[in-house]
């Protein structure tokens, strides 16, 4: 279940990249569909400041630079893409499916630790 809002954009026409925390030590990330569902995973594009803000909210400090990383068995990934991030996670969890995203957007779930693994800079992640 969603417990708190970590970061959100100014909504325009229902397009609202957003990150929420859940009661299961996971985060829900709503973004623009970059790659459609393959098996249980979906990749969404999220503006960098949204993910940086969510990580800062979790860490209660300065927004960190989020490294490119992958979880066990590639269940989730976070990859820099210019000023944005490509976030791949489970799109078929009960919490992800309970969120209604507008056309062209989706909600994915991944471990909260994905936003807190430090240190790294965006430049190092790209290299």
Protein backbone atom coordinates (compact mmCIF):
# COMPACT_ATOMS: atom_id res chain seq x y z
CA UNK A 1 0.00 0.00 0.00
CA UNK A 2 1.23 3.53 -0.77
CA UNK A 3 2.41 5.25 2.41
CA UNK A 4 3.79 8.57 1.17
CA UNK A 5 4.56 10.71 -1.82
CA UNK A 6 8.31 11.03 -2.41
CA UNK A 7 8.38 13.27 -5.50
CA UNK A 8 6.02 14.49 -8.22
CA UNK A 9 5.98 16.76 -11.22
CA UNK A 10 3.56 19.53 -12.00
CA UNK A 11 0.69 17.70 -13.64
CA UNK A 12 -0.19 18.79 -17.16
CA UNK A 13 -3.06 17.09 -18.94
CA UNK A 14 -2.85 14.13 -16.53
CA UNK A 15 0.83 13.45 -17.31
CA UNK A 16 2.35 13.14 -13.87
CA UNK A 17 5.67 11.37 -13.37
CA UNK A 18 5.57 10.53 -9.66
CA UNK A 19 7.35 8.37 -7.07
CA UNK A 20 5.62 6.92 -3.99
CA UNK A 21 6.90 4.82 -1.07
CA UNK A 22 5.02 1.69 -0.05
CA UNK A 23 4.67 -0.22 3.20
CA UNK A 24 6.79 -3.06 1.75
CA UNK A 25 10.11 -1.17 1.35
CA UNK A 26 9.44 -0.63 -2.32
CA UNK A 27 8.78 2.41 -4.47
CA UNK A 28 6.22 2.92 -7.21
CA UNK A 29 7.46 4.97 -10.15
CA UNK A 30 5.02 6.44 -12.65
CA UNK A 31 6.55 7.56 -15.93
CA UNK A 32 6.22 7.63 -19.70
CA UNK A 33 6.23 4.15 -21.27
CA UNK A 34 9.57 3.70 -22.99
CA UNK A 35 9.44 -0.05 -23.64
CA UNK A 36 6.18 -1.98 -23.40
CA UNK A 37 5.61 -4.86 -21.05
CA UNK A 38 7.89 -7.84 -21.52
CA UNK A 39 6.95 -10.66 -19.21
CA UNK A 40 6.27 -8.76 -15.94
CA UNK A 41 8.63 -5.81 -16.57
CA UNK A 42 7.90 -2.37 -18.01
CA UNK A 43 10.40 0.42 -18.70
CA UNK A 44 9.32 4.01 -18.04
CA UNK A 45 11.12 7.33 -18.63
CA UNK A 46 11.18 9.64 -15.62
CA UNK A 47 12.62 13.17 -15.51
CA UNK A 48 15.89 13.22 -13.56
CA UNK A 49 14.71 15.78 -10.98
CA UNK A 50 11.80 13.50 -10.00
CA UNK A 51 14.05 10.52 -9.21
CA UNK A 52 16.66 12.78 -7.60
CA UNK A 53 13.92 14.33 -5.46
CA UNK A 54 12.56 10.94 -4.44
CA UNK A 55 16.02 9.75 -3.41
CA UNK A 56 16.59 12.97 -1.46
CA UNK A 57 13.24 12.56 0.27
CA UNK A 58 14.18 9.03 1.29
CA UNK A 59 17.63 10.09 2.48
CA UNK A 60 16.50 13.45 3.96
CA UNK A 61 19.41 15.30 2.42
CA UNK A 62 20.96 16.62 -0.73
CA UNK A 63 19.69 14.98 -3.91
CA UNK A 64 22.17 12.23 -4.80
CA UNK A 65 23.17 11.26 -8.29
CA UNK A 66 21.57 7.90 -8.97
CA UNK A 67 23.92 5.33 -10.50
CA UNK A 68 23.10 3.05 -13.37
CA UNK A 69 22.40 -0.24 -11.66
CA UNK A 70 20.56 -3.49 -11.93
CA UNK A 71 18.89 -5.73 -9.39
CA UNK A 72 19.03 -9.47 -8.94
CA UNK A 73 18.28 -11.33 -12.15
CA UNK A 74 17.63 -7.97 -13.80
CA UNK A 75 14.30 -7.69 -12.01
CA UNK A 76 14.78 -3.92 -12.08
CA UNK A 77 17.16 -1.39 -13.57
CA UNK A 78 17.80 2.33 -13.40
CA UNK A 79 19.73 3.78 -16.33
CA UNK A 80 20.63 7.42 -17.05
CA UNK A 81 19.19 8.70 -20.34
CA UNK A 82 20.27 12.31 -20.84
CA UNK A 83 18.44 14.40 -18.23
CA UNK A 84 16.03 11.52 -17.57
CA UNK A 85 16.23 8.00 -16.17
CA UNK A 86 14.91 4.79 -17.68
CA UNK A 87 13.40 2.76 -14.85
CA UNK A 88 12.46 -0.87 -15.39
CA UNK A 89 10.41 -2.67 -12.77
CA UNK A 90 7.47 -4.93 -12.14
CA UNK A 91 4.28 -3.60 -13.68
CA UNK A 92 2.11 -6.46 -12.47
CA UNK A 93 2.27 -6.07 -8.69
CA UNK A 94 -0.95 -5.32 -6.79
CA UNK A 95 0.26 -1.82 -5.85
CA UNK A 96 1.39 -0.99 -9.40
CA UNK A 97 -1.85 -2.27 -10.87
CA UNK A 98 -3.92 -0.31 -8.32
CA UNK A 99 -2.51 2.98 -9.66
CA UNK A 100 -4.28 4.37 -12.69
CA UNK A 101 -1.85 5.96 -15.10
CA UNK A 102 -3.01 7.92 -18.15
CA UNK A 103 -2.49 6.59 -21.68
CA UNK A 104 1.20 6.50 -22.55
CA UNK A 105 2.26 6.14 -18.91
CA UNK A 106 2.71 3.19 -16.57
CA UNK A 107 3.57 2.47 -12.95
CA UNK A 108 6.38 0.08 -12.01
CA UNK A 109 7.50 -1.21 -8.63
CA UNK A 110 11.08 -1.77 -7.49
CA UNK A 111 12.96 -2.05 -4.19
CA UNK A 112 13.35 1.25 -2.33
CA UNK A 113 17.06 0.55 -2.00
CA UNK A 114 17.29 1.14 -5.76
CA UNK A 115 17.03 4.88 -5.07
CA UNK A 116 19.50 4.92 -2.20
CA UNK A 117 22.52 3.03 -3.48
CA UNK A 118 25.39 5.49 -3.34
CA UNK A 119 27.96 6.80 -4.15
CA UNK A 120 27.97 7.44 -7.88
CA UNK A 121 27.47 10.35 -10.19
CA UNK A 122 25.44 10.41 -13.34
CA UNK A 123 28.66 10.99 -15.28
CA UNK A 124 30.28 7.90 -13.69
CA UNK A 125 27.20 5.82 -14.42
CA UNK A 126 27.35 6.73 -18.10
CA UNK A 127 31.08 5.97 -18.39
